[in-house]
Amino acid sequence: MIDGPVRIGVEDVEISETETRTQSAVALLVDTSFSMVMENRWLPMKRTALALNHLVSTRFRSDALEIIAFGRHARTVSAAELTALEGVRDQGTNLHHALALAARHLRKHPNAQPVVLVVTDGEPTAHLEDFGDGAEAFFYYPPHPRTIGLTVKGFDDLAALGAQLTIFRLGSDPGLARFIDQVARRVGGRVVVPDLDGLGAAVVGDYLRARRR
């Protein structure tokens, strides 16, 4: 686990011209729950996603990047949609739904190197549940065991697809720290704990590290 402040900017990340040119399928999952607004993490999250999108679209155009925003529900968003997105006071961190969308993205690109990057500041407190008339979000706090179980299964599904998985944990929520550390050990993923100023550089740097492997 990487802890402590990271005092570099995205522009300080060196991009080698000898980077491996194999195609990568990249899913960036960004937490858009209201705590991200309340804890002043909203703008750093947006800047991070936009920086990665710019890098992929200008330097690694063969890569397939999908940005997935998750609050009570998850959905794929374009860079423009994320830029315009405003925080909504709505309960729920539905990482389960976001992981399912990430798996769908990776399956669309079976010959690409799968990379999943997750940025979050809270425990999973919502999941999708089919109550007989279509899937709906189920919210409960503290996290319901079924929410935890389905979220862990979502990580397992990504690991089965061979995804290189990194979770960027924001803040000091002890429940989130325990959950993320356990999941990372289970699926062979990495946990990075950057400060907000270093979030963009950490995510971009990890993307470059993953595609070199």
N, C-alpha and C. Protein backbone atom coordinates (compact mmCIF):
# COMPACT_ATOMS: atom_id res chain seq x y z
N MET A 1 0.85 -1.20 0.00
CA MET A 1 0.00 0.00 0.00
C MET A 1 0.88 1.24 0.00
N ILE A 2 0.49 2.24 -0.75
CA ILE A 2 1.21 3.51 -0.80
C ILE A 2 0.44 4.51 0.03
N ASP A 3 1.08 5.09 1.05
CA ASP A 3 0.39 6.02 1.94
C ASP A 3 1.15 7.33 1.97
N GLY A 4 0.49 8.37 2.47
CA GLY A 4 1.14 9.64 2.61
C GLY A 4 0.98 10.54 1.40
N PRO A 5 1.44 11.78 1.54
CA PRO A 5 1.25 12.76 0.47
C PRO A 5 2.06 12.45 -0.77
N VAL A 6 1.49 12.77 -1.90
CA VAL A 6 2.17 12.63 -3.19
C VAL A 6 2.17 14.02 -3.81
N ARG A 7 3.30 14.71 -3.83
CA ARG A 7 3.35 16.13 -4.19
C ARG A 7 3.79 16.36 -5.64
N ILE A 8 3.24 15.61 -6.56
CA ILE A 8 3.58 15.86 -7.96
C ILE A 8 2.29 16.09 -8.73
N GLY A 9 2.42 16.80 -9.82
CA GLY A 9 1.26 17.05 -10.67
C GLY A 9 1.25 16.12 -11.84
N VAL A 10 0.11 16.09 -12.53
CA VAL A 10 -0.02 15.22 -13.70
C VAL A 10 1.05 15.54 -14.73
N GLU A 11 1.39 16.83 -14.86
CA GLU A 11 2.37 17.22 -15.86
C GLU A 11 3.77 16.71 -15.53
N ASP A 12 3.99 16.26 -14.28
CA ASP A 12 5.30 15.76 -13.88
C ASP A 12 5.49 14.29 -14.19
N VAL A 13 4.45 13.61 -14.62
CA VAL A 13 4.56 12.19 -14.93
C VAL A 13 5.20 12.04 -16.30
N GLU A 14 6.36 11.42 -16.33
CA GLU A 14 7.09 11.26 -17.59
C GLU A 14 6.46 10.15 -18.41
N ILE A 15 6.24 10.42 -19.68
CA ILE A 15 5.69 9.42 -20.60
C ILE A 15 6.78 9.02 -21.57
N SER A 16 7.20 7.79 -21.49
CA SER A 16 8.28 7.30 -22.35
C SER A 16 7.75 6.98 -23.73
N GLU A 17 8.51 7.35 -24.74
CA GLU A 17 8.12 7.05 -26.12
C GLU A 17 8.24 5.56 -26.41
N THR A 18 8.87 4.81 -25.49
CA THR A 18 9.03 3.38 -25.70
C THR A 18 7.93 2.58 -25.00
N GLU A 19 6.85 3.28 -24.58
CA GLU A 19 5.75 2.57 -23.93
C GLU A 19 5.26 1.42 -24.81
N THR A 20 4.90 0.33 -24.16
CA THR A 20 4.33 -0.78 -24.90
C THR A 20 3.07 -0.31 -25.63
N ARG A 21 2.92 -0.70 -26.88
CA ARG A 21 1.83 -0.18 -27.69
C ARG A 21 0.66 -1.16 -27.81
N THR A 22 0.63 -2.18 -26.97
CA THR A 22 -0.52 -3.07 -27.01
C THR A 22 -1.76 -2.31 -26.54
N GLN A 23 -2.91 -2.72 -27.03
CA GLN A 23 -4.15 -2.03 -26.67
C GLN A 23 -4.57 -2.40 -25.26
N SER A 24 -5.06 -1.43 -24.53
CA SER A 24 -5.61 -1.65 -23.19
C SER A 24 -7.08 -1.25 -23.17
N ALA A 25 -7.86 -1.99 -22.41
CA ALA A 25 -9.24 -1.61 -22.12
C ALA A 25 -9.24 -1.11 -20.69
N VAL A 26 -9.55 0.17 -20.52
CA VAL A 26 -9.40 0.82 -19.22
C VAL A 26 -10.76 1.28 -18.71
N ALA A 27 -11.08 0.90 -17.49
CA ALA A 27 -12.30 1.38 -16.84
C ALA A 27 -11.88 2.23 -15.64
N LEU A 28 -12.26 3.51 -15.66
CA LEU A 28 -12.01 4.41 -14.54
C LEU A 28 -13.32 4.61 -13.80
N LEU A 29 -13.39 4.13 -12.57
CA LEU A 29 -14.60 4.21 -11.76
C LEU A 29 -14.42 5.35 -10.76
N VAL A 30 -15.27 6.36 -10.83
CA VAL A 30 -15.13 7.52 -9.95
C VAL A 30 -16.37 7.66 -9.07
N ASP A 31 -16.13 7.79 -7.79
CA ASP A 31 -17.18 7.94 -6.79
C ASP A 31 -17.80 9.33 -6.92
N THR A 32 -19.10 9.38 -7.14
CA THR A 32 -19.80 10.67 -7.24
C THR A 32 -20.85 10.81 -6.13
N SER A 33 -20.67 10.06 -5.04
CA SER A 33 -21.57 10.19 -3.91
C SER A 33 -21.38 11.56 -3.26
N PHE A 34 -22.34 11.99 -2.45
CA PHE A 34 -22.33 13.37 -1.96
C PHE A 34 -21.17 13.64 -1.01
N SER A 35 -20.61 12.61 -0.39
CA SER A 35 -19.46 12.82 0.49
C SER A 35 -18.27 13.38 -0.29
N MET A 36 -18.18 13.07 -1.58
CA MET A 36 -17.10 13.61 -2.39
C MET A 36 -17.22 15.13 -2.51
N VAL A 37 -18.45 15.63 -2.51
CA VAL A 37 -18.68 17.07 -2.54
C VAL A 37 -18.37 17.67 -1.17
N MET A 38 -18.90 17.06 -0.13
CA MET A 38 -18.78 17.59 1.23
C MET A 38 -17.32 17.64 1.70
N GLU A 39 -16.51 16.71 1.24
CA GLU A 39 -15.11 16.63 1.67
C GLU A 39 -14.16 17.29 0.67
N ASN A 40 -14.70 18.09 -0.24
CA ASN A 40 -13.89 18.83 -1.22
C ASN A 40 -13.06 17.93 -2.13
N ARG A 41 -13.62 16.78 -2.46
CA ARG A 41 -12.93 15.84 -3.34
C ARG A 41 -13.52 15.84 -4.75
N TRP A 42 -14.54 16.62 -4.95
CA TRP A 42 -15.29 16.61 -6.22
C TRP A 42 -14.43 17.12 -7.38
N LEU A 43 -13.83 18.30 -7.22
CA LEU A 43 -13.03 18.86 -8.30
C LEU A 43 -11.76 18.06 -8.57
N PRO A 44 -11.02 17.61 -7.54
CA PRO A 44 -9.86 16.75 -7.83
C PRO A 44 -10.24 15.47 -8.56
N MET A 45 -11.40 14.90 -8.22
CA MET A 45 -11.87 13.71 -8.93
C MET A 45 -12.10 14.02 -10.40
N LYS A 46 -12.79 15.13 -10.67
CA LYS A 46 -13.06 15.51 -12.06
C LYS A 46 -11.77 15.77 -12.83
N ARG A 47 -10.86 16.52 -12.22
CA ARG A 47 -9.59 16.83 -12.90
C ARG A 47 -8.82 15.56 -13.22
N THR A 48 -8.87 14.61 -12.31
CA THR A 48 -8.17 13.34 -12.51
C THR A 48 -8.73 12.60 -13.72
N ALA A 49 -10.05 12.48 -13.77
CA ALA A 49 -10.68 11.76 -14.88
C ALA A 49 -10.41 12.47 -16.21
N LEU A 50 -10.47 13.79 -16.20
CA LEU A 50 -10.24 14.54 -17.44
C LEU A 50 -8.79 14.44 -17.89
N ALA A 51 -7.86 14.40 -16.93
CA ALA A 51 -6.45 14.25 -17.28
C ALA A 51 -6.19 12.90 -17.93
N LEU A 52 -6.78 11.85 -17.36
CA LEU A 52 -6.59 10.52 -17.94
C LEU A 52 -7.24 10.44 -19.31
N ASN A 53 -8.43 11.02 -19.43
CA ASN A 53 -9.12 11.01 -20.72
C ASN A 53 -8.28 11.74 -21.78
N HIS A 54 -7.69 12.87 -21.41
CA HIS A 54 -6.86 13.63 -22.35
C HIS A 54 -5.64 12.81 -22.77
N LEU A 55 -5.00 12.16 -21.82
CA LEU A 55 -3.81 11.36 -22.13
C LEU A 55 -4.15 10.23 -23.09
N VAL A 56 -5.22 9.51 -22.79
CA VAL A 56 -5.61 8.38 -23.64
C VAL A 56 -5.99 8.86 -25.04
N SER A 57 -6.74 9.96 -25.11
CA SER A 57 -7.23 10.42 -26.41
C SER A 57 -6.14 11.05 -27.27
N THR A 58 -5.03 11.46 -26.65
CA THR A 58 -3.97 12.11 -27.43
C THR A 58 -2.73 11.25 -27.61
N ARG A 59 -2.43 10.38 -26.64
CA ARG A 59 -1.19 9.61 -26.71
C ARG A 59 -1.41 8.12 -26.90
N PHE A 60 -2.52 7.61 -26.46
CA PHE A 60 -2.78 6.17 -26.52
C PHE A 60 -4.15 5.92 -27.14
N ARG A 61 -4.30 6.35 -28.37
CA ARG A 61 -5.62 6.35 -29.01
C ARG A 61 -6.16 4.95 -29.27
N SER A 62 -5.31 3.94 -29.26
CA SER A 62 -5.80 2.58 -29.47
C SER A 62 -6.44 2.02 -28.21
N ASP A 63 -6.21 2.67 -27.07
CA ASP A 63 -6.81 2.21 -25.82
C ASP A 63 -8.28 2.59 -25.76
N ALA A 64 -9.05 1.76 -25.10
CA ALA A 64 -10.49 2.00 -24.94
C ALA A 64 -10.76 2.38 -23.49
N LEU A 65 -10.99 3.67 -23.26
CA LEU A 65 -11.25 4.17 -21.91
C LEU A 65 -12.74 4.38 -21.71
N GLU A 66 -13.25 3.88 -20.58
CA GLU A 66 -14.64 4.16 -20.21
C GLU A 66 -14.64 4.74 -18.80
N ILE A 67 -15.28 5.89 -18.64
CA ILE A 67 -15.41 6.52 -17.33
C ILE A 67 -16.77 6.14 -16.76
N ILE A 68 -16.76 5.62 -15.55
CA ILE A 68 -17.99 5.15 -14.90
C ILE A 68 -18.16 5.93 -13.59
N ALA A 69 -19.24 6.69 -13.50
CA ALA A 69 -19.54 7.46 -12.30
C ALA A 69 -20.54 6.67 -11.45
N PHE A 70 -20.27 6.60 -10.14
CA PHE A 70 -21.19 5.84 -9.29
C PHE A 70 -21.52 6.57 -7.99
N GLY A 71 -22.83 6.69 -7.77
CA GLY A 71 -23.38 7.17 -6.52
C GLY A 71 -24.38 6.11 -6.07
N ARG A 72 -25.65 6.48 -5.99
CA ARG A 72 -26.68 5.47 -5.69
C ARG A 72 -26.80 4.47 -6.84
N HIS A 73 -26.61 4.94 -8.06
CA HIS A 73 -26.51 4.10 -9.25
C HIS A 73 -25.19 4.41 -9.94
N ALA A 74 -24.82 3.59 -10.90
CA ALA A 74 -23.63 3.84 -11.71
C ALA A 74 -24.04 4.03 -13.16
N ARG A 75 -23.26 4.81 -13.88
CA ARG A 75 -23.51 4.99 -15.31
C ARG A 75 -22.22 5.42 -15.99
N THR A 76 -22.12 5.11 -17.27
CA THR A 76 -20.97 5.56 -18.03
C THR A 76 -21.20 7.01 -18.43
N VAL A 77 -20.12 7.78 -18.42
CA VAL A 77 -20.22 9.20 -18.76
C VAL A 77 -19.07 9.58 -19.69
N SER A 78 -19.33 10.54 -20.54
CA SER A 78 -18.27 11.11 -21.38
C SER A 78 -17.51 12.14 -20.55
N ALA A 79 -16.39 12.60 -21.08
CA ALA A 79 -15.63 13.64 -20.39
C ALA A 79 -16.48 14.91 -20.24
N ALA A 80 -17.24 15.25 -21.26
CA ALA A 80 -18.08 16.44 -21.20
C ALA A 80 -19.19 16.29 -20.16
N GLU A 81 -19.79 15.10 -20.10
CA GLU A 81 -20.84 14.86 -19.11
C GLU A 81 -20.28 14.93 -17.70
N LEU A 82 -19.08 14.40 -17.50
CA LEU A 82 -18.48 14.46 -16.17
C LEU A 82 -18.17 15.90 -15.79
N THR A 83 -17.69 16.68 -16.73
CA THR A 83 -17.39 18.09 -16.47
C THR A 83 -18.63 18.83 -15.99
N ALA A 84 -19.77 18.53 -16.59
CA ALA A 84 -21.02 19.23 -16.25
C ALA A 84 -21.72 18.64 -15.03
N LEU A 85 -21.27 17.49 -14.56
CA LEU A 85 -21.96 16.79 -13.48
C LEU A 85 -21.90 17.59 -12.18
N GLU A 86 -23.03 17.71 -11.52
CA GLU A 86 -23.10 18.39 -10.24
C GLU A 86 -23.43 17.39 -9.15
N GLY A 87 -22.94 17.67 -7.95
CA GLY A 87 -23.19 16.78 -6.83
C GLY A 87 -24.66 16.78 -6.44
N VAL A 88 -25.17 15.59 -6.14
CA VAL A 88 -26.57 15.43 -5.75
C VAL A 88 -26.61 14.81 -4.36
N ARG A 89 -27.42 15.39 -3.48
CA ARG A 89 -27.55 14.84 -2.13
C ARG A 89 -28.42 13.59 -2.19
N ASP A 90 -27.79 12.48 -2.52
CA ASP A 90 -28.50 11.22 -2.69
C ASP A 90 -27.68 10.13 -2.01
N GLN A 91 -28.30 9.35 -1.15
CA GLN A 91 -27.56 8.36 -0.38
C GLN A 91 -27.20 7.14 -1.22
N GLY A 92 -26.00 6.64 -0.99
CA GLY A 92 -25.60 5.40 -1.63
C GLY A 92 -24.29 5.48 -2.38
N THR A 93 -23.44 4.48 -2.15
CA THR A 93 -22.20 4.31 -2.91
C THR A 93 -22.29 2.94 -3.56
N ASN A 94 -22.75 2.91 -4.80
CA ASN A 94 -23.08 1.65 -5.47
C ASN A 94 -21.89 1.17 -6.31
N LEU A 95 -20.86 0.74 -5.61
CA LEU A 95 -19.68 0.21 -6.29
C LEU A 95 -20.01 -1.09 -7.02
N HIS A 96 -20.96 -1.84 -6.50
CA HIS A 96 -21.39 -3.08 -7.15
C HIS A 96 -21.83 -2.82 -8.59
N HIS A 97 -22.67 -1.83 -8.79
CA HIS A 97 -23.15 -1.49 -10.13
C HIS A 97 -21.99 -1.03 -11.02
N ALA A 98 -21.09 -0.22 -10.46
CA ALA A 98 -19.95 0.28 -11.23
C ALA A 98 -19.04 -0.86 -11.69
N LEU A 99 -18.81 -1.82 -10.81
CA LEU A 99 -17.96 -2.96 -11.17
C LEU A 99 -18.59 -3.79 -12.28
N ALA A 100 -19.92 -3.91 -12.25
CA ALA A 100 -20.62 -4.65 -13.31
C ALA A 100 -20.46 -3.95 -14.66
N LEU A 101 -20.54 -2.62 -14.66
CA LEU A 101 -20.34 -1.88 -15.91
C LEU A 101 -18.90 -1.99 -16.39
N ALA A 102 -17.96 -2.02 -15.45
CA ALA A 102 -16.55 -2.19 -15.82
C ALA A 102 -16.33 -3.55 -16.47
N ALA A 103 -16.92 -4.59 -15.89
CA ALA A 103 -16.78 -5.94 -16.46
C ALA A 103 -17.38 -5.99 -17.86
N ARG A 104 -18.51 -5.33 -18.05
CA ARG A 104 -19.13 -5.29 -19.39
C ARG A 104 -18.19 -4.62 -20.39
N HIS A 105 -17.54 -3.55 -19.98
CA HIS A 105 -16.59 -2.85 -20.86
C HIS A 105 -15.42 -3.76 -21.23
N LEU A 106 -14.88 -4.46 -20.24
CA LEU A 106 -13.73 -5.33 -20.52
C LEU A 106 -14.11 -6.47 -21.46
N ARG A 107 -15.32 -6.99 -21.31
CA ARG A 107 -15.76 -8.10 -22.17
C ARG A 107 -15.94 -7.65 -23.62
N LYS A 108 -16.19 -6.36 -23.82
CA LYS A 108 -16.31 -5.85 -25.18
C LYS A 108 -14.95 -5.81 -25.90
N HIS A 109 -13.87 -5.91 -25.12
CA HIS A 109 -12.52 -5.81 -25.68
C HIS A 109 -11.70 -7.00 -25.20
N PRO A 110 -12.06 -8.21 -25.62
CA PRO A 110 -11.44 -9.42 -25.08
C PRO A 110 -9.95 -9.56 -25.40
N ASN A 111 -9.48 -8.89 -26.43
CA ASN A 111 -8.07 -9.01 -26.82
C ASN A 111 -7.20 -7.88 -26.25
N ALA A 112 -7.80 -7.00 -25.47
CA ALA A 112 -7.06 -5.87 -24.90
C ALA A 112 -6.60 -6.20 -23.49
N GLN A 113 -5.59 -5.48 -23.06
CA GLN A 113 -5.09 -5.62 -21.69
C GLN A 113 -6.08 -4.93 -20.74
N PRO A 114 -6.69 -5.67 -19.80
CA PRO A 114 -7.73 -5.07 -18.95
C PRO A 114 -7.15 -4.33 -17.74
N VAL A 115 -7.56 -3.09 -17.56
CA VAL A 115 -7.09 -2.25 -16.47
C VAL A 115 -8.30 -1.59 -15.81
N VAL A 116 -8.40 -1.70 -14.49
CA VAL A 116 -9.51 -1.08 -13.75
C VAL A 116 -8.94 -0.20 -12.65
N LEU A 117 -9.35 1.05 -12.63
CA LEU A 117 -8.91 2.04 -11.65
C LEU A 117 -10.14 2.56 -10.91
N VAL A 118 -10.13 2.47 -9.58
CA VAL A 118 -11.29 2.87 -8.78
C VAL A 118 -10.89 4.01 -7.85
N VAL A 119 -11.65 5.10 -7.87
CA VAL A 119 -11.43 6.23 -6.97
C VAL A 119 -12.66 6.35 -6.08
N THR A 120 -12.48 6.21 -4.76
CA THR A 120 -13.64 6.24 -3.86
C THR A 120 -13.24 6.74 -2.48
N ASP A 121 -14.23 7.25 -1.75
CA ASP A 121 -13.97 7.74 -0.39
C ASP A 121 -14.90 7.12 0.64
N GLY A 122 -15.69 6.12 0.25
CA GLY A 122 -16.63 5.56 1.21
C GLY A 122 -16.91 4.09 0.99
N GLU A 123 -17.35 3.43 2.05
CA GLU A 123 -17.70 2.02 1.95
C GLU A 123 -18.86 1.82 0.97
N PRO A 124 -18.95 0.65 0.35
CA PRO A 124 -20.10 0.36 -0.51
C PRO A 124 -21.36 0.23 0.34
N THR A 125 -22.35 1.06 0.05
CA THR A 125 -23.59 1.06 0.84
C THR A 125 -24.82 0.80 -0.02
N ALA A 126 -24.63 0.45 -1.29
CA ALA A 126 -25.76 0.18 -2.17
C ALA A 126 -25.36 -0.88 -3.18
N HIS A 127 -26.36 -1.61 -3.64
CA HIS A 127 -26.14 -2.59 -4.70
C HIS A 127 -27.41 -2.68 -5.54
N LEU A 128 -27.29 -3.30 -6.69
CA LEU A 128 -28.46 -3.52 -7.53
C LEU A 128 -29.18 -4.78 -7.08
N GLU A 129 -30.48 -4.71 -6.98
CA GLU A 129 -31.31 -5.84 -6.56
C GLU A 129 -32.52 -5.91 -7.47
N ASP A 130 -32.82 -7.10 -7.94
CA ASP A 130 -34.00 -7.30 -8.79
C ASP A 130 -35.17 -7.70 -7.91
N PHE A 131 -36.13 -6.80 -7.78
CA PHE A 131 -37.31 -7.06 -6.95
C PHE A 131 -38.48 -7.60 -7.76
N GLY A 132 -38.20 -8.04 -8.98
CA GLY A 132 -39.23 -8.63 -9.81
C GLY A 132 -39.71 -7.74 -10.93
N ASP A 133 -39.43 -6.45 -10.83
CA ASP A 133 -39.85 -5.52 -11.88
C ASP A 133 -38.66 -4.73 -12.40
N GLY A 134 -37.51 -5.38 -12.44
CA GLY A 134 -36.29 -4.73 -12.91
C GLY A 134 -35.36 -4.40 -11.75
N ALA A 135 -34.11 -4.21 -12.06
CA ALA A 135 -33.11 -3.95 -11.03
C ALA A 135 -33.26 -2.54 -10.46
N GLU A 136 -33.20 -2.45 -9.14
CA GLU A 136 -33.25 -1.18 -8.45
C GLU A 136 -32.11 -1.13 -7.44
N ALA A 137 -31.76 0.07 -7.02
CA ALA A 137 -30.70 0.23 -6.04
C ALA A 137 -31.25 -0.03 -4.64
N PHE A 138 -30.56 -0.87 -3.90
CA PHE A 138 -30.87 -1.13 -2.50
C PHE A 138 -29.82 -0.42 -1.66
N PHE A 139 -30.25 0.47 -0.76
CA PHE A 139 -29.32 1.22 0.09
C PHE A 139 -29.52 0.84 1.54
N TYR A 140 -28.40 0.70 2.25
CA TYR A 140 -28.48 0.46 3.69
C TYR A 140 -27.16 0.90 4.32
N TYR A 141 -27.27 1.56 5.47
CA TYR A 141 -26.08 1.93 6.23
C TYR A 141 -26.30 1.59 7.70
N PRO A 142 -25.34 0.94 8.33
CA PRO A 142 -24.03 0.52 7.81
C PRO A 142 -24.17 -0.51 6.69
N PRO A 143 -23.11 -0.73 5.92
CA PRO A 143 -23.21 -1.60 4.75
C PRO A 143 -23.85 -2.95 5.07
N HIS A 144 -24.84 -3.31 4.26
CA HIS A 144 -25.53 -4.58 4.43
C HIS A 144 -24.63 -5.73 3.96
N PRO A 145 -24.66 -6.87 4.65
CA PRO A 145 -23.82 -8.00 4.22
C PRO A 145 -24.03 -8.39 2.76
N ARG A 146 -25.26 -8.26 2.26
CA ARG A 146 -25.49 -8.61 0.86
C ARG A 146 -24.80 -7.60 -0.07
N THR A 147 -24.81 -6.33 0.31
CA THR A 147 -24.09 -5.33 -0.48
C THR A 147 -22.60 -5.65 -0.53
N ILE A 148 -22.04 -5.99 0.62
CA ILE A 148 -20.62 -6.34 0.68
C ILE A 148 -20.34 -7.57 -0.17
N GLY A 149 -21.19 -8.59 -0.03
CA GLY A 149 -20.97 -9.83 -0.77
C GLY A 149 -21.04 -9.64 -2.27
N LEU A 150 -22.02 -8.88 -2.74
CA LEU A 150 -22.15 -8.65 -4.18
C LEU A 150 -21.01 -7.77 -4.71
N THR A 151 -20.56 -6.83 -3.89
CA THR A 151 -19.44 -5.99 -4.32
C THR A 151 -18.16 -6.80 -4.43
N VAL A 152 -17.93 -7.67 -3.45
CA VAL A 152 -16.75 -8.55 -3.51
C VAL A 152 -16.82 -9.44 -4.74
N LYS A 153 -18.01 -9.96 -5.03
CA LYS A 153 -18.16 -10.79 -6.23
C LYS A 153 -17.84 -9.98 -7.49
N GLY A 154 -18.20 -8.70 -7.49
CA GLY A 154 -17.86 -7.85 -8.63
C GLY A 154 -16.36 -7.75 -8.83
N PHE A 155 -15.62 -7.63 -7.74
CA PHE A 155 -14.16 -7.62 -7.83
C PHE A 155 -13.64 -8.98 -8.32
N ASP A 156 -14.24 -10.05 -7.81
CA ASP A 156 -13.84 -11.40 -8.26
C ASP A 156 -14.04 -11.56 -9.76
N ASP A 157 -15.15 -11.05 -10.27
CA ASP A 157 -15.44 -11.15 -11.70
C ASP A 157 -14.38 -10.42 -12.53
N LEU A 158 -13.94 -9.27 -12.05
CA LEU A 158 -12.90 -8.53 -12.77
C LEU A 158 -11.57 -9.26 -12.72
N ALA A 159 -11.27 -9.86 -11.56
CA ALA A 159 -10.03 -10.63 -11.45
C ALA A 159 -10.05 -11.82 -12.40
N ALA A 160 -11.23 -12.44 -12.55
CA ALA A 160 -11.36 -13.59 -13.46
C ALA A 160 -11.13 -13.17 -14.91
N LEU A 161 -11.38 -11.89 -15.22
CA LEU A 161 -11.12 -11.37 -16.56
C LEU A 161 -9.67 -10.96 -16.75
N GLY A 162 -8.87 -11.12 -15.69
CA GLY A 162 -7.45 -10.79 -15.77
C GLY A 162 -7.13 -9.33 -15.56
N ALA A 163 -8.06 -8.58 -14.97
CA ALA A 163 -7.87 -7.14 -14.82
C ALA A 163 -6.76 -6.81 -13.83
N GLN A 164 -5.94 -5.82 -14.20
CA GLN A 164 -5.02 -5.20 -13.26
C GLN A 164 -5.81 -4.12 -12.53
N LEU A 165 -5.94 -4.27 -11.22
CA LEU A 165 -6.88 -3.45 -10.48
C LEU A 165 -6.18 -2.61 -9.42
N THR A 166 -6.44 -1.32 -9.44
CA THR A 166 -5.90 -0.42 -8.42
C THR A 166 -7.04 0.41 -7.84
N ILE A 167 -7.05 0.51 -6.51
CA ILE A 167 -8.06 1.28 -5.80
C ILE A 167 -7.39 2.48 -5.15
N PHE A 168 -7.89 3.66 -5.45
CA PHE A 168 -7.37 4.89 -4.87
C PHE A 168 -8.32 5.30 -3.75
N ARG A 169 -7.85 5.13 -2.51
CA ARG A 169 -8.70 5.39 -1.35
C ARG A 169 -8.48 6.81 -0.87
N LEU A 170 -9.56 7.58 -0.84
CA LEU A 170 -9.50 8.96 -0.38
C LEU A 170 -10.03 9.04 1.04
N GLY A 171 -9.38 9.85 1.88
CA GLY A 171 -9.85 10.02 3.24
C GLY A 171 -9.34 8.94 4.16
N SER A 172 -9.89 8.94 5.38
CA SER A 172 -9.39 8.04 6.42
C SER A 172 -10.50 7.19 7.03
N ASP A 173 -11.55 6.91 6.28
CA ASP A 173 -12.64 6.07 6.77
C ASP A 173 -12.10 4.69 7.11
N PRO A 174 -12.11 4.29 8.40
CA PRO A 174 -11.53 2.99 8.76
C PRO A 174 -12.28 1.81 8.17
N GLY A 175 -13.60 1.94 8.03
CA GLY A 175 -14.38 0.86 7.43
C GLY A 175 -14.00 0.65 5.98
N LEU A 176 -13.83 1.75 5.25
CA LEU A 176 -13.41 1.65 3.85
C LEU A 176 -12.01 1.06 3.76
N ALA A 177 -11.12 1.50 4.65
CA ALA A 177 -9.74 1.01 4.61
C ALA A 177 -9.70 -0.50 4.80
N ARG A 178 -10.46 -1.00 5.76
CA ARG A 178 -10.49 -2.46 6.00
C ARG A 178 -11.03 -3.19 4.78
N PHE A 179 -12.13 -2.71 4.25
CA PHE A 179 -12.76 -3.38 3.12
C PHE A 179 -11.84 -3.39 1.91
N ILE A 180 -11.27 -2.25 1.58
CA ILE A 180 -10.42 -2.14 0.40
C ILE A 180 -9.16 -3.00 0.54
N ASP A 181 -8.55 -2.97 1.72
CA ASP A 181 -7.34 -3.77 1.92
C ASP A 181 -7.64 -5.26 1.76
N GLN A 182 -8.76 -5.71 2.30
CA GLN A 182 -9.13 -7.12 2.19
C GLN A 182 -9.41 -7.50 0.74
N VAL A 183 -10.13 -6.65 0.03
CA VAL A 183 -10.45 -6.93 -1.37
C VAL A 183 -9.18 -6.97 -2.21
N ALA A 184 -8.28 -6.01 -1.99
CA ALA A 184 -7.04 -5.96 -2.76
C ALA A 184 -6.22 -7.22 -2.56
N ARG A 185 -6.12 -7.68 -1.33
CA ARG A 185 -5.39 -8.93 -1.08
C ARG A 185 -6.07 -10.10 -1.77
N ARG A 186 -7.38 -10.11 -1.76
CA ARG A 186 -8.14 -11.22 -2.34
C ARG A 186 -7.93 -11.34 -3.85
N VAL A 187 -7.89 -10.20 -4.54
CA VAL A 187 -7.83 -10.23 -6.01
C VAL A 187 -6.46 -9.85 -6.56
N GLY A 188 -5.49 -9.66 -5.68
CA GLY A 188 -4.16 -9.30 -6.15
C GLY A 188 -4.07 -7.89 -6.68
N GLY A 189 -4.89 -6.99 -6.13
CA GLY A 189 -4.88 -5.61 -6.58
C GLY A 189 -3.98 -4.74 -5.73
N ARG A 190 -3.96 -3.46 -6.05
CA ARG A 190 -3.15 -2.49 -5.33
C ARG A 190 -4.05 -1.45 -4.68
N VAL A 191 -3.58 -0.93 -3.54
CA VAL A 191 -4.26 0.18 -2.88
C VAL A 191 -3.30 1.36 -2.84
N VAL A 192 -3.77 2.50 -3.30
CA VAL A 192 -2.98 3.74 -3.26
C VAL A 192 -3.77 4.76 -2.45
N VAL A 193 -3.08 5.45 -1.54
CA VAL A 193 -3.74 6.43 -0.68
C VAL A 193 -3.07 7.79 -0.90
N PRO A 194 -3.44 8.48 -1.97
CA PRO A 194 -2.82 9.77 -2.27
C PRO A 194 -3.53 10.91 -1.54
N ASP A 195 -2.85 12.05 -1.44
CA ASP A 195 -3.59 13.23 -1.02
C ASP A 195 -4.30 13.79 -2.25
N LEU A 196 -5.16 14.75 -2.05
CA LEU A 196 -5.96 15.25 -3.17
C LEU A 196 -5.10 15.90 -4.25
N ASP A 197 -4.04 16.60 -3.83
CA ASP A 197 -3.18 17.25 -4.82
C ASP A 197 -2.46 16.24 -5.70
N GLY A 198 -2.25 15.04 -5.19
CA GLY A 198 -1.53 14.04 -5.94
C GLY A 198 -2.40 12.99 -6.60
N LEU A 199 -3.72 13.15 -6.52
CA LEU A 199 -4.61 12.13 -7.06
C LEU A 199 -4.43 11.95 -8.56
N GLY A 200 -4.41 13.05 -9.30
CA GLY A 200 -4.29 12.95 -10.75
C GLY A 200 -3.01 12.26 -11.18
N ALA A 201 -1.89 12.66 -10.58
CA ALA A 201 -0.61 12.05 -10.94
C ALA A 201 -0.59 10.58 -10.57
N ALA A 202 -1.21 10.24 -9.44
CA ALA A 202 -1.23 8.84 -9.01
C ALA A 202 -2.02 7.97 -9.99
N VAL A 203 -3.17 8.45 -10.42
CA VAL A 203 -4.01 7.67 -11.34
C VAL A 203 -3.34 7.55 -12.71
N VAL A 204 -2.85 8.66 -13.24
CA VAL A 204 -2.19 8.63 -14.54
C VAL A 204 -0.95 7.75 -14.48
N GLY A 205 -0.17 7.89 -13.42
CA GLY A 205 1.03 7.07 -13.28
C GLY A 205 0.71 5.59 -13.19
N ASP A 206 -0.37 5.25 -12.50
CA ASP A 206 -0.73 3.84 -12.38
C ASP A 206 -1.22 3.27 -13.70
N TYR A 207 -1.94 4.08 -14.46
CA TYR A 207 -2.37 3.66 -15.80
C TYR A 207 -1.16 3.33 -16.67
N LEU A 208 -0.16 4.21 -16.64
CA LEU A 208 1.04 3.97 -17.44
C LEU A 208 1.79 2.74 -16.95
N ARG A 209 1.86 2.56 -15.64
CA ARG A 209 2.51 1.37 -15.08
C ARG A 209 1.80 0.10 -15.53
N ALA A 210 0.47 0.14 -15.49
CA ALA A 210 -0.31 -1.05 -15.83
C ALA A 210 -0.14 -1.44 -17.29
N ARG A 211 -0.11 -0.46 -18.17
CA ARG A 211 -0.03 -0.80 -19.60
C ARG A 211 1.39 -1.19 -20.01
N ARG A 212 2.39 -0.95 -19.14
CA ARG A 212 3.75 -1.41 -19.44
C ARG A 212 3.95 -2.87 -19.10
N ARG A 213 3.06 -3.42 -18.29
CA ARG A 213 3.25 -4.79 -17.81
C ARG A 213 3.03 -5.79 -18.92
